[in-house]
Amino acid sequence: MVGKGLGAAVAVVSFCAVIAGAFFAGAAWQSGGAKVTQSPRYASGQPVTMTRGELVEAWTAELKKAGKAKPEGWEILTTEELRGRYLDQVHENAPHPTGRNIDPGMDRKP
């Protein structure tokens, strides 16, 4: 007889624990919790052009900066391939820092 009463008591305590957990979870949810911040959408602050026409125009401008022309057969490239080539050319055209540019006194010996 004691075993039956003990089992019922464990069931009631377990039920109460579940209800209490649900209550606290609901209270935490309603309080709003921690504020979520959002970083800028683009790391560079500028979006990458998305349409094929914009990509061709931007890629052509970057190639012109490097003194290059579009390769033969570029028309068959997919939009994703054009985007990749454009971004590669932007990276290639970017100034590459050297030790002197980063820290002017870095190359002097004491």
PDB file of N, CA and C in Angstrom:
ATOM      1  N   MET A   1       0.813  -1.187   0.000  1.00  0.00           N
ATOM      2  CA  MET A   1       0.000   0.000   0.000  1.00  0.00           C
ATOM      3  C   MET A   1       0.861   1.257   0.000  1.00  0.00           C
ATOM      4  N   VAL A   2       1.997   1.206   0.705  1.00  0.00           N
ATOM      5  CA  VAL A   2       2.868   2.368   0.766  1.00  0.00           C
ATOM      6  C   VAL A   2       3.460   2.651  -0.612  1.00  0.00           C
ATOM      7  N   GLY A   3       3.759   1.617  -1.382  1.00  0.00           N
ATOM      8  CA  GLY A   3       4.334   1.778  -2.713  1.00  0.00           C
ATOM      9  C   GLY A   3       3.409   2.533  -3.647  1.00  0.00           C
ATOM     10  N   LYS A   4       2.072   2.275  -3.513  1.00  0.00           N
ATOM     11  CA  LYS A   4       1.106   2.970  -4.364  1.00  0.00           C
ATOM     12  C   LYS A   4       1.073   4.463  -4.039  1.00  0.00           C
ATOM     13  N   GLY A   5       1.074   4.778  -2.786  1.00  0.00           N
ATOM     14  CA  GLY A   5       1.029   6.173  -2.355  1.00  0.00           C
ATOM     15  C   GLY A   5       2.292   6.914  -2.738  1.00  0.00           C
ATOM     16  N   LEU A   6       3.427   6.233  -2.671  1.00  0.00           N
ATOM     17  CA  LEU A   6       4.696   6.851  -3.034  1.00  0.00           C
ATOM     18  C   LEU A   6       4.747   7.132  -4.545  1.00  0.00           C
ATOM     19  N   GLY A   7       4.254   6.215  -5.342  1.00  0.00           N
ATOM     20  CA  GLY A   7       4.215   6.390  -6.792  1.00  0.00           C
ATOM     21  C   GLY A   7       3.329   7.565  -7.178  1.00  0.00           C
ATOM     22  N   ALA A   8       2.193   7.696  -6.497  1.00  0.00           N
ATOM     23  CA  ALA A   8       1.286   8.806  -6.777  1.00  0.00           C
ATOM     24  C   ALA A   8       1.937  10.127  -6.383  1.00  0.00           C
ATOM     25  N   ALA A   9       2.647  10.129  -5.258  1.00  0.00           N
ATOM     26  CA  ALA A   9       3.306  11.341  -4.798  1.00  0.00           C
ATOM     27  C   ALA A   9       4.391  11.772  -5.797  1.00  0.00           C
ATOM     28  N   VAL A  10       5.150  10.809  -6.323  1.00  0.00           N
ATOM     29  CA  VAL A  10       6.188  11.113  -7.316  1.00  0.00           C
ATOM     30  C   VAL A  10       5.543  11.683  -8.581  1.00  0.00           C
ATOM     31  N   ALA A  11       4.408  11.115  -8.985  1.00  0.00           N
ATOM     32  CA  ALA A  11       3.715  11.595 -10.181  1.00  0.00           C
ATOM     33  C   ALA A  11       3.229  13.036  -9.979  1.00  0.00           C
ATOM     34  N   VAL A  12       2.681  13.335  -8.792  1.00  0.00           N
ATOM     35  CA  VAL A  12       2.189  14.686  -8.512  1.00  0.00           C
ATOM     36  C   VAL A  12       3.345  15.681  -8.489  1.00  0.00           C
ATOM     37  N   VAL A  13       4.451  15.304  -7.867  1.00  0.00           N
ATOM     38  CA  VAL A  13       5.614  16.186  -7.795  1.00  0.00           C
ATOM     39  C   VAL A  13       6.175  16.426  -9.207  1.00  0.00           C
ATOM     40  N   SER A  14       6.245  15.380 -10.021  1.00  0.00           N
ATOM     41  CA  SER A  14       6.735  15.523 -11.391  1.00  0.00           C
ATOM     42  C   SER A  14       5.824  16.447 -12.190  1.00  0.00           C
ATOM     43  N   PHE A  15       4.528  16.270 -12.037  1.00  0.00           N
ATOM     44  CA  PHE A  15       3.565  17.110 -12.739  1.00  0.00           C
ATOM     45  C   PHE A  15       3.741  18.574 -12.334  1.00  0.00           C
ATOM     46  N   CYS A  16       3.901  18.819 -11.051  1.00  0.00           N
ATOM     47  CA  CYS A  16       4.084  20.185 -10.552  1.00  0.00           C
ATOM     48  C   CYS A  16       5.392  20.795 -11.092  1.00  0.00           C
ATOM     49  N   ALA A  17       6.417  19.979 -11.186  1.00  0.00           N
ATOM     50  CA  ALA A  17       7.696  20.470 -11.712  1.00  0.00           C
ATOM     51  C   ALA A  17       7.553  20.876 -13.179  1.00  0.00           C
ATOM     52  N   VAL A  18       6.820  20.097 -13.956  1.00  0.00           N
ATOM     53  CA  VAL A  18       6.605  20.425 -15.365  1.00  0.00           C
ATOM     54  C   VAL A  18       5.806  21.721 -15.487  1.00  0.00           C
ATOM     55  N   ILE A  19       4.762  21.869 -14.680  1.00  0.00           N
ATOM     56  CA  ILE A  19       3.940  23.078 -14.712  1.00  0.00           C
ATOM     57  C   ILE A  19       4.781  24.297 -14.323  1.00  0.00           C
ATOM     58  N   ALA A  20       5.610  24.157 -13.278  1.00  0.00           N
ATOM     59  CA  ALA A  20       6.455  25.262 -12.842  1.00  0.00           C
ATOM     60  C   ALA A  20       7.462  25.643 -13.940  1.00  0.00           C
ATOM     61  N   GLY A  21       8.038  24.663 -14.598  1.00  0.00           N
ATOM     62  CA  GLY A  21       8.977  24.931 -15.681  1.00  0.00           C
ATOM     63  C   GLY A  21       8.307  25.658 -16.833  1.00  0.00           C
ATOM     64  N   ALA A  22       7.097  25.237 -17.166  1.00  0.00           N
ATOM     65  CA  ALA A  22       6.354  25.900 -18.241  1.00  0.00           C
ATOM     66  C   ALA A  22       6.038  27.344 -17.857  1.00  0.00           C
ATOM     67  N   PHE A  23       5.682  27.564 -16.593  1.00  0.00           N
ATOM     68  CA  PHE A  23       5.370  28.911 -16.120  1.00  0.00           C
ATOM     69  C   PHE A  23       6.594  29.822 -16.247  1.00  0.00           C
ATOM     70  N   PHE A  24       7.743  29.351 -15.782  1.00  0.00           N
ATOM     71  CA  PHE A  24       8.953  30.164 -15.841  1.00  0.00           C
ATOM     72  C   PHE A  24       9.414  30.397 -17.281  1.00  0.00           C
ATOM     73  N   ALA A  25       9.246  29.394 -18.133  1.00  0.00           N
ATOM     74  CA  ALA A  25       9.611  29.572 -19.544  1.00  0.00           C
ATOM     75  C   ALA A  25       8.704  30.617 -20.193  1.00  0.00           C
ATOM     76  N   GLY A  26       7.423  30.561 -19.892  1.00  0.00           N
ATOM     77  CA  GLY A  26       6.484  31.539 -20.436  1.00  0.00           C
ATOM     78  C   GLY A  26       6.772  32.939 -19.920  1.00  0.00           C
ATOM     79  N   ALA A  27       7.117  33.050 -18.646  1.00  0.00           N
ATOM     80  CA  ALA A  27       7.433  34.352 -18.066  1.00  0.00           C
ATOM     81  C   ALA A  27       8.693  34.939 -18.713  1.00  0.00           C
ATOM     82  N   ALA A  28       9.684  34.108 -18.964  1.00  0.00           N
ATOM     83  CA  ALA A  28      10.919  34.578 -19.596  1.00  0.00           C
ATOM     84  C   ALA A  28      10.639  35.025 -21.029  1.00  0.00           C
ATOM     85  N   TRP A  29       9.768  34.306 -21.720  1.00  0.00           N
ATOM     86  CA  TRP A  29       9.446  34.646 -23.096  1.00  0.00           C
ATOM     87  C   TRP A  29       8.733  35.988 -23.162  1.00  0.00           C
ATOM     88  N   GLN A  30       7.798  36.221 -22.246  1.00  0.00           N
ATOM     89  CA  GLN A  30       7.028  37.458 -22.252  1.00  0.00           C
ATOM     90  C   GLN A  30       7.876  38.667 -21.873  1.00  0.00           C
ATOM     91  N   SER A  31       8.913  38.453 -21.093  1.00  0.00           N
ATOM     92  CA  SER A  31       9.745  39.584 -20.682  1.00  0.00           C
ATOM     93  C   SER A  31      10.590  40.106 -21.843  1.00  0.00           C
ATOM     94  N   GLY A  32      10.653  39.385 -22.925  1.00  0.00           N
ATOM     95  CA  GLY A  32      11.403  39.846 -24.094  1.00  0.00           C
ATOM     96  C   GLY A  32      12.810  39.303 -24.143  1.00  0.00           C
ATOM     97  N   GLY A  33      13.363  38.886 -23.047  1.00  0.00           N
ATOM     98  CA  GLY A  33      14.712  38.324 -23.036  1.00  0.00           C
ATOM     99  C   GLY A  33      15.752  39.339 -23.458  1.00  0.00           C
ATOM    100  N   ALA A  34      16.865  38.852 -23.911  1.00  0.00           N
ATOM    101  CA  ALA A  34      17.976  39.714 -24.317  1.00  0.00           C
ATOM    102  C   ALA A  34      17.676  40.384 -25.652  1.00  0.00           C
ATOM    103  N   LYS A  35      18.166  41.600 -25.795  1.00  0.00           N
ATOM    104  CA  LYS A  35      18.016  42.324 -27.053  1.00  0.00           C
ATOM    105  C   LYS A  35      18.943  41.703 -28.090  1.00  0.00           C
ATOM    106  N   VAL A  36      18.465  41.575 -29.298  1.00  0.00           N
ATOM    107  CA  VAL A  36      19.253  41.008 -30.383  1.00  0.00           C
ATOM    108  C   VAL A  36      19.700  42.147 -31.283  1.00  0.00           C
ATOM    109  N   THR A  37      20.986  42.203 -31.529  1.00  0.00           N
ATOM    110  CA  THR A  37      21.505  43.228 -32.428  1.00  0.00           C
ATOM    111  C   THR A  37      21.765  42.596 -33.785  1.00  0.00           C
ATOM    112  N   GLN A  38      21.809  43.406 -34.797  1.00  0.00           N
ATOM    113  CA  GLN A  38      22.031  42.908 -36.141  1.00  0.00           C
ATOM    114  C   GLN A  38      23.198  43.659 -36.760  1.00  0.00           C
ATOM    115  N   SER A  39      24.117  42.904 -37.334  1.00  0.00           N
ATOM    116  CA  SER A  39      25.265  43.529 -37.977  1.00  0.00           C
ATOM    117  C   SER A  39      24.848  44.074 -39.335  1.00  0.00           C
ATOM    118  N   PRO A  40      25.670  44.927 -39.920  1.00  0.00           N
ATOM    119  CA  PRO A  40      25.338  45.434 -41.251  1.00  0.00           C
ATOM    120  C   PRO A  40      25.151  44.278 -42.229  1.00  0.00           C
ATOM    121  N   ARG A  41      24.277  44.465 -43.174  1.00  0.00           N
ATOM    122  CA  ARG A  41      23.977  43.401 -44.121  1.00  0.00           C
ATOM    123  C   ARG A  41      25.201  43.028 -44.954  1.00  0.00           C
ATOM    124  N   TYR A  42      25.999  44.010 -45.306  1.00  0.00           N
ATOM    125  CA  TYR A  42      27.182  43.762 -46.119  1.00  0.00           C
ATOM    126  C   TYR A  42      28.400  44.196 -45.325  1.00  0.00           C
ATOM    127  N   ALA A  43      29.402  43.336 -45.265  1.00  0.00           N
ATOM    128  CA  ALA A  43      30.610  43.655 -44.503  1.00  0.00           C
ATOM    129  C   ALA A  43      31.297  44.896 -45.055  1.00  0.00           C
ATOM    130  N   SER A  44      31.269  45.066 -46.348  1.00  0.00           N
ATOM    131  CA  SER A  44      31.936  46.219 -46.956  1.00  0.00           C
ATOM    132  C   SER A  44      31.077  47.471 -46.897  1.00  0.00           C
ATOM    133  N   GLY A  45      29.811  47.312 -46.540  1.00  0.00           N
ATOM    134  CA  GLY A  45      28.909  48.445 -46.520  1.00  0.00           C
ATOM    135  C   GLY A  45      28.255  48.682 -47.866  1.00  0.00           C
ATOM    136  N   GLN A  46      28.691  47.953 -48.889  1.00  0.00           N
ATOM    137  CA  GLN A  46      28.121  48.101 -50.223  1.00  0.00           C
ATOM    138  C   GLN A  46      27.613  46.748 -50.701  1.00  0.00           C
ATOM    139  N   PRO A  47      26.431  46.727 -51.270  1.00  0.00           N
ATOM    140  CA  PRO A  47      25.921  45.455 -51.785  1.00  0.00           C
ATOM    141  C   PRO A  47      26.650  45.045 -53.058  1.00  0.00           C
ATOM    142  N   VAL A  48      26.744  43.749 -53.281  1.00  0.00           N
ATOM    143  CA  VAL A  48      27.297  43.235 -54.526  1.00  0.00           C
ATOM    144  C   VAL A  48      26.179  43.301 -55.560  1.00  0.00           C
ATOM    145  N   THR A  49      26.493  43.836 -56.725  1.00  0.00           N
ATOM    146  CA  THR A  49      25.461  43.971 -57.754  1.00  0.00           C
ATOM    147  C   THR A  49      24.846  42.605 -58.046  1.00  0.00           C
ATOM    148  N   MET A  50      23.544  42.598 -58.296  1.00  0.00           N
ATOM    149  CA  MET A  50      22.846  41.332 -58.401  1.00  0.00           C
ATOM    150  C   MET A  50      22.398  40.953 -59.811  1.00  0.00           C
ATOM    151  N   THR A  51      21.980  41.902 -60.633  1.00  0.00           N
ATOM    152  CA  THR A  51      21.480  41.530 -61.946  1.00  0.00           C
ATOM    153  C   THR A  51      22.641  41.276 -62.897  1.00  0.00           C
ATOM    154  N   ARG A  52      22.364  40.508 -63.913  1.00  0.00           N
ATOM    155  CA  ARG A  52      23.402  40.167 -64.881  1.00  0.00           C
ATOM    156  C   ARG A  52      23.942  41.419 -65.566  1.00  0.00           C
ATOM    157  N   GLY A  53      23.052  42.323 -65.955  1.00  0.00           N
ATOM    158  CA  GLY A  53      23.488  43.553 -66.615  1.00  0.00           C
ATOM    159  C   GLY A  53      24.391  44.390 -65.729  1.00  0.00           C
ATOM    160  N   GLU A  54      24.027  44.527 -64.461  1.00  0.00           N
ATOM    161  CA  GLU A  54      24.859  45.295 -63.522  1.00  0.00           C
ATOM    162  C   GLU A  54      26.214  44.618 -63.322  1.00  0.00           C
ATOM    163  N   LEU A  55      26.204  43.277 -63.249  1.00  0.00           N
ATOM    164  CA  LEU A  55      27.469  42.561 -63.072  1.00  0.00           C
ATOM    165  C   LEU A  55      28.389  42.748 -64.279  1.00  0.00           C
ATOM    166  N   VAL A  56      27.834  42.655 -65.475  1.00  0.00           N
ATOM    167  CA  VAL A  56      28.647  42.829 -66.685  1.00  0.00           C
ATOM    168  C   VAL A  56      29.231  44.237 -66.708  1.00  0.00           C
ATOM    169  N   GLU A  57      28.411  45.221 -66.377  1.00  0.00           N
ATOM    170  CA  GLU A  57      28.872  46.612 -66.371  1.00  0.00           C
ATOM    171  C   GLU A  57      29.978  46.829 -65.332  1.00  0.00           C
ATOM    172  N   ALA A  58      29.767  46.310 -64.117  1.00  0.00           N
ATOM    173  CA  ALA A  58      30.750  46.477 -63.043  1.00  0.00           C
ATOM    174  C   ALA A  58      32.034  45.708 -63.352  1.00  0.00           C
ATOM    175  N   TRP A  59      31.888  44.490 -63.888  1.00  0.00           N
ATOM    176  CA  TRP A  59      33.057  43.670 -64.225  1.00  0.00           C
ATOM    177  C   TRP A  59      33.876  44.351 -65.324  1.00  0.00           C
ATOM    178  N   THR A  60      33.189  44.895 -66.322  1.00  0.00           N
ATOM    179  CA  THR A  60      33.873  45.602 -67.411  1.00  0.00           C
ATOM    180  C   THR A  60      34.662  46.792 -66.868  1.00  0.00           C
ATOM    181  N   ALA A  61      34.064  47.532 -65.931  1.00  0.00           N
ATOM    182  CA  ALA A  61      34.756  48.683 -65.334  1.00  0.00           C
ATOM    183  C   ALA A  61      35.994  48.233 -64.562  1.00  0.00           C
ATOM    184  N   GLU A  62      35.886  47.137 -63.824  1.00  0.00           N
ATOM    185  CA  GLU A  62      37.040  46.638 -63.063  1.00  0.00           C
ATOM    186  C   GLU A  62      38.133  46.136 -64.002  1.00  0.00           C
ATOM    187  N   LEU A  63      37.729  45.458 -65.079  1.00  0.00           N
ATOM    188  CA  LEU A  63      38.722  45.003 -66.055  1.00  0.00           C
ATOM    189  C   LEU A  63      39.428  46.182 -66.702  1.00  0.00           C
ATOM    190  N   LYS A  64      38.678  47.249 -66.988  1.00  0.00           N
ATOM    191  CA  LYS A  64      39.255  48.447 -67.609  1.00  0.00           C
ATOM    192  C   LYS A  64      40.295  49.078 -66.685  1.00  0.00           C
ATOM    193  N   LYS A  65      40.001  49.090 -65.357  1.00  0.00           N
ATOM    194  CA  LYS A  65      40.974  49.619 -64.381  1.00  0.00           C
ATOM    195  C   LYS A  65      42.287  48.850 -64.442  1.00  0.00           C
ATOM    196  N   ALA A  66      42.193  47.532 -64.692  1.00  0.00           N
ATOM    197  CA  ALA A  66      43.383  46.683 -64.733  1.00  0.00           C
ATOM    198  C   ALA A  66      44.014  46.642 -66.119  1.00  0.00           C
ATOM    199  N   GLY A  67      43.396  47.346 -67.089  1.00  0.00           N
ATOM    200  CA  GLY A  67      43.931  47.342 -68.443  1.00  0.00           C
ATOM    201  C   GLY A  67      43.632  46.057 -69.185  1.00  0.00           C
ATOM    202  N   LYS A  68      42.562  45.387 -68.826  1.00  0.00           N
ATOM    203  CA  LYS A  68      42.194  44.115 -69.460  1.00  0.00           C
ATOM    204  C   LYS A  68      40.865  44.266 -70.189  1.00  0.00           C
ATOM    205  N   ALA A  69      40.559  43.275 -71.000  1.00  0.00           N
ATOM    206  CA  ALA A  69      39.274  43.226 -71.712  1.00  0.00           C
ATOM    207  C   ALA A  69      38.562  41.929 -71.340  1.00  0.00           C
ATOM    208  N   LYS A  70      37.263  41.880 -71.608  1.00  0.00           N
ATOM    209  CA  LYS A  70      36.501  40.658 -71.328  1.00  0.00           C
ATOM    210  C   LYS A  70      37.027  39.530 -72.215  1.00  0.00           C
ATOM    211  N   PRO A  71      37.113  38.326 -71.664  1.00  0.00           N
ATOM    212  CA  PRO A  71      37.609  37.206 -72.463  1.00  0.00           C
ATOM    213  C   PRO A  71      36.589  36.787 -73.524  1.00  0.00           C
ATOM    214  N   GLU A  72      37.073  36.105 -74.565  1.00  0.00           N
ATOM    215  CA  GLU A  72      36.166  35.612 -75.595  1.00  0.00           C
ATOM    216  C   GLU A  72      35.202  34.600 -74.973  1.00  0.00           C
ATOM    217  N   GLY A  73      33.973  34.644 -75.417  1.00  0.00           N
ATOM    218  CA  GLY A  73      32.977  33.690 -74.938  1.00  0.00           C
ATOM    219  C   GLY A  73      32.403  34.012 -73.574  1.00  0.00           C
ATOM    220  N   TRP A  74      32.626  35.230 -73.079  1.00  0.00           N
ATOM    221  CA  TRP A  74      32.134  35.588 -71.743  1.00  0.00           C
ATOM    222  C   TRP A  74      30.617  35.559 -71.688  1.00  0.00           C
ATOM    223  N   GLU A  75      29.947  35.667 -72.840  1.00  0.00           N
ATOM    224  CA  GLU A  75      28.490  35.708 -72.874  1.00  0.00           C
ATOM    225  C   GLU A  75      27.856  34.422 -72.356  1.00  0.00           C
ATOM    226  N   ILE A  76      28.580  33.305 -72.437  1.00  0.00           N
ATOM    227  CA  ILE A  76      27.993  32.031 -71.994  1.00  0.00           C
ATOM    228  C   ILE A  76      28.159  31.791 -70.489  1.00  0.00           C
ATOM    229  N   LEU A  77      28.879  32.677 -69.800  1.00  0.00           N
ATOM    230  CA  LEU A  77      29.044  32.535 -68.352  1.00  0.00           C
ATOM    231  C   LEU A  77      27.704  32.741 -67.651  1.00  0.00           C
ATOM    232  N   THR A  78      27.485  31.972 -66.595  1.00  0.00           N
ATOM    233  CA  THR A  78      26.270  32.156 -65.804  1.00  0.00           C
ATOM    234  C   THR A  78      26.413  33.410 -64.948  1.00  0.00           C
ATOM    235  N   THR A  79      25.324  33.855 -64.384  1.00  0.00           N
ATOM    236  CA  THR A  79      25.354  35.040 -63.523  1.00  0.00           C
ATOM    237  C   THR A  79      26.276  34.804 -62.331  1.00  0.00           C
ATOM    238  N   GLU A  80      26.242  33.600 -61.771  1.00  0.00           N
ATOM    239  CA  GLU A  80      27.123  33.293 -60.631  1.00  0.00           C
ATOM    240  C   GLU A  80      28.595  33.322 -61.044  1.00  0.00           C
ATOM    241  N   GLU A  81      28.888  32.812 -62.233  1.00  0.00           N
ATOM    242  CA  GLU A  81      30.278  32.858 -62.717  1.00  0.00           C
ATOM    243  C   GLU A  81      30.717  34.301 -62.958  1.00  0.00           C
ATOM    244  N   LEU A  82      29.814  35.113 -63.491  1.00  0.00           N
ATOM    245  CA  LEU A  82      30.131  36.536 -63.685  1.00  0.00           C
ATOM    246  C   LEU A  82      30.394  37.212 -62.348  1.00  0.00           C
ATOM    247  N   ARG A  83      29.561  36.921 -61.342  1.00  0.00           N
ATOM    248  CA  ARG A  83      29.740  37.507 -60.016  1.00  0.00           C
ATOM    249  C   ARG A  83      31.095  37.104 -59.442  1.00  0.00           C
ATOM    250  N   GLY A  84      31.465  35.848 -59.609  1.00  0.00           N
ATOM    251  CA  GLY A  84      32.760  35.374 -59.123  1.00  0.00           C
ATOM    252  C   GLY A  84      33.918  36.068 -59.811  1.00  0.00           C
ATOM    253  N   ARG A  85      33.823  36.203 -61.121  1.00  0.00           N
ATOM    254  CA  ARG A  85      34.893  36.881 -61.866  1.00  0.00           C
ATOM    255  C   ARG A  85      34.978  38.359 -61.494  1.00  0.00           C
ATOM    256  N   TYR A  86      33.811  38.974 -61.308  1.00  0.00           N
ATOM    257  CA  TYR A  86      33.784  40.384 -60.894  1.00  0.00           C
ATOM    258  C   TYR A  86      34.461  40.555 -59.533  1.00  0.00           C
ATOM    259  N   LEU A  87      34.077  39.738 -58.570  1.00  0.00           N
ATOM    260  CA  LEU A  87      34.652  39.855 -57.219  1.00  0.00           C
ATOM    261  C   LEU A  87      36.147  39.539 -57.226  1.00  0.00           C
ATOM    262  N   ASP A  88      36.565  38.562 -58.029  1.00  0.00           N
ATOM    263  CA  ASP A  88      37.999  38.269 -58.145  1.00  0.00           C
ATOM    264  C   ASP A  88      38.761  39.473 -58.692  1.00  0.00           C
ATOM    265  N   GLN A  89      38.165  40.138 -59.683  1.00  0.00           N
ATOM    266  CA  GLN A  89      38.837  41.300 -60.276  1.00  0.00           C
ATOM    267  C   GLN A  89      38.881  42.469 -59.299  1.00  0.00           C
ATOM    268  N   VAL A  90      37.818  42.649 -58.527  1.00  0.00           N
ATOM    269  CA  VAL A  90      37.820  43.707 -57.504  1.00  0.00           C
ATOM    270  C   VAL A  90      38.945  43.451 -56.517  1.00  0.00           C
ATOM    271  N   HIS A  91      39.094  42.192 -56.095  1.00  0.00           N
ATOM    272  CA  HIS A  91      40.156  41.836 -55.145  1.00  0.00           C
ATOM    273  C   HIS A  91      41.529  42.041 -55.772  1.00  0.00           C
ATOM    274  N   GLU A  92      41.662  41.658 -57.027  1.00  0.00           N
ATOM    275  CA  GLU A  92      42.941  41.823 -57.713  1.00  0.00           C
ATOM    276  C   GLU A  92      43.304  43.300 -57.865  1.00  0.00           C
ATOM    277  N   ASN A  93      42.310  44.155 -58.093  1.00  0.00           N
ATOM    278  CA  ASN A  93      42.561  45.590 -58.270  1.00  0.00           C
ATOM    279  C   ASN A  93      42.802  46.318 -56.951  1.00  0.00           C
ATOM    280  N   ALA A  94      42.407  45.720 -55.842  1.00  0.00           N
ATOM    281  CA  ALA A  94      42.548  46.384 -54.542  1.00  0.00           C
ATOM    282  C   ALA A  94      44.028  46.534 -54.188  1.00  0.00           C
ATOM    283  N   PRO A  95      44.370  47.616 -53.496  1.00  0.00           N
ATOM    284  CA  PRO A  95      45.776  47.774 -53.096  1.00  0.00           C
ATOM    285  C   PRO A  95      46.161  46.705 -52.077  1.00  0.00           C
ATOM    286  N   HIS A  96      47.317  46.125 -52.290  1.00  0.00           N
ATOM    287  CA  HIS A  96      47.796  45.082 -51.386  1.00  0.00           C
ATOM    288  C   HIS A  96      48.814  45.699 -50.439  1.00  0.00           C
ATOM    289  N   PRO A  97      48.495  45.726 -49.147  1.00  0.00           N
ATOM    290  CA  PRO A  97      49.401  46.372 -48.201  1.00  0.00           C
ATOM    291  C   PRO A  97      50.712  45.609 -48.031  1.00  0.00           C
ATOM    292  N   THR A  98      51.756  46.364 -47.857  1.00  0.00           N
ATOM    293  CA  THR A  98      53.058  45.774 -47.553  1.00  0.00           C
ATOM    294  C   THR A  98      53.435  46.219 -46.148  1.00  0.00           C
ATOM    295  N   GLY A  99      54.552  45.770 -45.663  1.00  0.00           N
ATOM    296  CA  GLY A  99      54.995  46.149 -44.324  1.00  0.00           C
ATOM    297  C   GLY A  99      55.132  47.655 -44.174  1.00  0.00           C
ATOM    298  N   ARG A 100      55.640  48.321 -45.207  1.00  0.00           N
ATOM    299  CA  ARG A 100      55.805  49.772 -45.143  1.00  0.00           C
ATOM    300  C   ARG A 100      54.469  50.488 -45.068  1.00  0.00           C
ATOM    301  N   ASN A 101      53.480  49.983 -45.793  1.00  0.00           N
ATOM    302  CA  ASN A 101      52.172  50.626 -45.783  1.00  0.00           C
ATOM    303  C   ASN A 101      51.467  50.449 -44.442  1.00  0.00           C
ATOM    304  N   ILE A 102      51.657  49.298 -43.829  1.00  0.00           N
ATOM    305  CA  ILE A 102      50.972  49.014 -42.568  1.00  0.00           C
ATOM    306  C   ILE A 102      51.619  49.785 -41.425  1.00  0.00           C
ATOM    307  N   ASP A 103      52.929  49.695 -41.320  1.00  0.00           N
ATOM    308  CA  ASP A 103      53.658  50.363 -40.250  1.00  0.00           C
ATOM    309  C   ASP A 103      54.947  50.919 -40.852  1.00  0.00           C
ATOM    310  N   PRO A 104      54.983  52.228 -41.122  1.00  0.00           N
ATOM    311  CA  PRO A 104      56.135  52.806 -41.820  1.00  0.00           C
ATOM    312  C   PRO A 104      57.491  52.521 -41.174  1.00  0.00           C
ATOM    313  N   GLY A 105      57.562  52.399 -39.866  1.00  0.00           N
ATOM    314  CA  GLY A 105      58.846  52.173 -39.212  1.00  0.00           C
ATOM    315  C   GLY A 105      59.181  50.707 -39.015  1.00  0.00           C
ATOM    316  N   MET A 106      58.364  49.842 -39.516  1.00  0.00           N
ATOM    317  CA  MET A 106      58.503  48.410 -39.256  1.00  0.00           C
ATOM    318  C   MET A 106      59.757  47.820 -39.896  1.00  0.00           C
ATOM    319  N   ASP A 107      60.186  48.335 -41.035  1.00  0.00           N
ATOM    320  CA  ASP A 107      61.305  47.731 -41.737  1.00  0.00           C
ATOM    321  C   ASP A 107      62.665  48.255 -41.271  1.00  0.00           C
ATOM    322  N   ARG A 108      62.677  49.242 -40.350  1.00  0.00           N
ATOM    323  CA  ARG A 108      63.963  49.754 -39.828  1.00  0.00           C
ATOM    324  C   ARG A 108      64.538  48.800 -38.811  1.00  0.00           C
ATOM    325  N   LYS A 109      65.836  48.684 -38.829  1.00  0.00           N
ATOM    326  CA  LYS A 109      66.507  47.845 -37.839  1.00  0.00           C
ATOM    327  C   LYS A 109      67.009  48.748 -36.716  1.00  0.00           C
ATOM    328  N   PRO A 110      66.905  48.292 -35.480  1.00  0.00           N
ATOM    329  CA  PRO A 110      67.355  49.136 -34.344  1.00  0.00           C
ATOM    330  C   PRO A 110      68.847  49.344 -34.301  1.00  0.00           C
TER     331      PRO A 110
END
